[in-house]
Amino acid sequence: SQASAYNEETGEINWDCPCLGGMAHGPCGEDFKQAFSCFVTSEADPKGMDCVDYFQSMQECFKKHPEEYASELDEEEEE
């Protein structure tokens, strides 16, 4: 089975899962953890709509650390 960061049976998140690409570590790790935790437990429809604030905080953090998160930011236009 494919490695998953979230174990639905236990509700635990494996922050060291390679599938997260190291996002849980580094300067924006806490922002990422909040957003990801919110998303995987979201009951909203569409899923994650109740987590928008967390994702915005995470994106703001990425922009403050472009050297760490270039691959996350390259989808946006470069200034």
C-alpha atoms as a PDB file:
ATOM      1  CA  SER A   1       0.000   0.000   0.000  1.00  0.00           C
ATOM      2  CA  GLN A   2       1.076   3.549  -0.645  1.00  0.00           C
ATOM      3  CA  ALA A   3       2.665   5.341   2.296  1.00  0.00           C
ATOM      4  CA  SER A   4       0.283   7.791   3.860  1.00  0.00           C
ATOM      5  CA  ALA A   5       1.020  10.513   6.358  1.00  0.00           C
ATOM      6  CA  TYR A   6      -2.382  10.116   7.984  1.00  0.00           C
ATOM      7  CA  ASN A   7      -3.544   6.965   9.721  1.00  0.00           C
ATOM      8  CA  GLU A   8      -7.335   7.049   9.709  1.00  0.00           C
ATOM      9  CA  GLU A   9      -7.564   4.225  12.238  1.00  0.00           C
ATOM     10  CA  THR A  10      -5.489   5.962  14.896  1.00  0.00           C
ATOM     11  CA  GLY A  11      -5.941   9.563  13.786  1.00  0.00           C
ATOM     12  CA  GLU A  12      -2.195   9.997  13.984  1.00  0.00           C
ATOM     13  CA  ILE A  13      -0.087  11.880  11.483  1.00  0.00           C
ATOM     14  CA  ASN A  14       3.409  10.707  10.608  1.00  0.00           C
ATOM     15  CA  TRP A  15       5.251  13.989  10.085  1.00  0.00           C
ATOM     16  CA  ASP A  16       8.334  12.094   8.887  1.00  0.00           C
ATOM     17  CA  CYS A  17       6.503  10.407   6.006  1.00  0.00           C
ATOM     18  CA  PRO A  18       8.521  10.937   2.786  1.00  0.00           C
ATOM     19  CA  CYS A  19       5.196  11.682   1.092  1.00  0.00           C
ATOM     20  CA  LEU A  20       5.170  15.057   2.866  1.00  0.00           C
ATOM     21  CA  GLY A  21       8.449  16.051   1.259  1.00  0.00           C
ATOM     22  CA  GLY A  22       9.880  17.426   4.491  1.00  0.00           C
ATOM     23  CA  MET A  23       7.156  20.062   4.664  1.00  0.00           C
ATOM     24  CA  ALA A  24       6.544  19.411   8.367  1.00  0.00           C
ATOM     25  CA  HIS A  25      10.089  20.537   9.143  1.00  0.00           C
ATOM     26  CA  GLY A  26      11.817  23.823   8.444  1.00  0.00           C
ATOM     27  CA  PRO A  27      10.721  27.394   9.124  1.00  0.00           C
ATOM     28  CA  CYS A  28       7.080  26.836   8.124  1.00  0.00           C
ATOM     29  CA  GLY A  29       6.707  23.404   9.667  1.00  0.00           C
ATOM     30  CA  GLU A  30       4.227  24.500  12.321  1.00  0.00           C
ATOM     31  CA  ASP A  31       2.060  26.333   9.768  1.00  0.00           C
ATOM     32  CA  PHE A  32       2.103  23.259   7.551  1.00  0.00           C
ATOM     33  CA  LYS A  33       1.198  20.962  10.439  1.00  0.00           C
ATOM     34  CA  GLN A  34      -1.804  23.093  11.378  1.00  0.00           C
ATOM     35  CA  ALA A  35      -3.063  23.245   7.804  1.00  0.00           C
ATOM     36  CA  PHE A  36      -2.497  19.539   7.118  1.00  0.00           C
ATOM     37  CA  SER A  37      -4.010  18.442  10.432  1.00  0.00           C
ATOM     38  CA  CYS A  38      -7.046  20.583   9.770  1.00  0.00           C
ATOM     39  CA  PHE A  39      -7.426  19.227   6.250  1.00  0.00           C
ATOM     40  CA  VAL A  40      -7.204  15.515   7.083  1.00  0.00           C
ATOM     41  CA  THR A  41      -9.798  15.850   9.842  1.00  0.00           C
ATOM     42  CA  SER A  42     -12.029  18.268   7.924  1.00  0.00           C
ATOM     43  CA  GLU A  43     -15.723  17.440   7.805  1.00  0.00           C
ATOM     44  CA  ALA A  44     -16.467  20.392   5.541  1.00  0.00           C
ATOM     45  CA  ASP A  45     -17.802  20.145   1.996  1.00  0.00           C
ATOM     46  CA  PRO A  46     -15.709  20.604  -0.041  1.00  0.00           C
ATOM     47  CA  LYS A  47     -13.088  19.083   2.240  1.00  0.00           C
ATOM     48  CA  GLY A  48     -10.735  21.626   3.732  1.00  0.00           C
ATOM     49  CA  MET A  49     -12.946  24.683   3.271  1.00  0.00           C
ATOM     50  CA  ASP A  50     -12.787  25.213   7.029  1.00  0.00           C
ATOM     51  CA  CYS A  51      -8.971  25.281   6.868  1.00  0.00           C
ATOM     52  CA  VAL A  52      -8.491  28.225   4.503  1.00  0.00           C
ATOM     53  CA  ASP A  53      -6.976  30.452   7.189  1.00  0.00           C
ATOM     54  CA  TYR A  54      -4.339  27.840   8.002  1.00  0.00           C
ATOM     55  CA  PHE A  55      -3.403  27.435   4.347  1.00  0.00           C
ATOM     56  CA  GLN A  56      -3.155  31.204   3.910  1.00  0.00           C
ATOM     57  CA  SER A  57      -0.814  31.409   6.901  1.00  0.00           C
ATOM     58  CA  MET A  58       1.273  28.618   5.427  1.00  0.00           C
ATOM     59  CA  GLN A  59       1.486  30.373   2.041  1.00  0.00           C
ATOM     60  CA  GLU A  60       2.499  33.626   3.741  1.00  0.00           C
ATOM     61  CA  CYS A  61       5.263  31.753   5.536  1.00  0.00           C
ATOM     62  CA  PHE A  62       6.437  30.148   2.267  1.00  0.00           C
ATOM     63  CA  LYS A  63       6.737  33.609   0.722  1.00  0.00           C
ATOM     64  CA  LYS A  64       8.925  34.747   3.629  1.00  0.00           C
ATOM     65  CA  HIS A  65      11.272  31.797   3.036  1.00  0.00           C
ATOM     66  CA  PRO A  66      11.511  31.447  -0.752  1.00  0.00           C
ATOM     67  CA  GLU A  67      14.884  29.723  -0.571  1.00  0.00           C
ATOM     68  CA  GLU A  68      13.363  26.880   1.477  1.00  0.00           C
ATOM     69  CA  TYR A  69      10.080  26.616  -0.387  1.00  0.00           C
ATOM     70  CA  ALA A  70      10.890  27.504  -3.989  1.00  0.00           C
ATOM     71  CA  SER A  71       9.233  24.326  -5.248  1.00  0.00           C
ATOM     72  CA  GLU A  72       6.007  25.237  -3.425  1.00  0.00           C
ATOM     73  CA  LEU A  73       6.009  28.760  -4.827  1.00  0.00           C
ATOM     74  CA  ASP A  74       6.978  28.125  -8.449  1.00  0.00           C
ATOM     75  CA  GLU A  75       3.319  27.659  -9.380  1.00  0.00           C
ATOM     76  CA  GLU A  76       2.791  31.368  -8.787  1.00  0.00           C
ATOM     77  CA  GLU A  77       4.020  34.106 -11.075  1.00  0.00           C
ATOM     78  CA  GLU A  78       7.522  35.274 -10.349  1.00  0.00           C
ATOM     79  CA  GLU A  79       7.903  38.946  -9.578  1.00  0.00           C
END
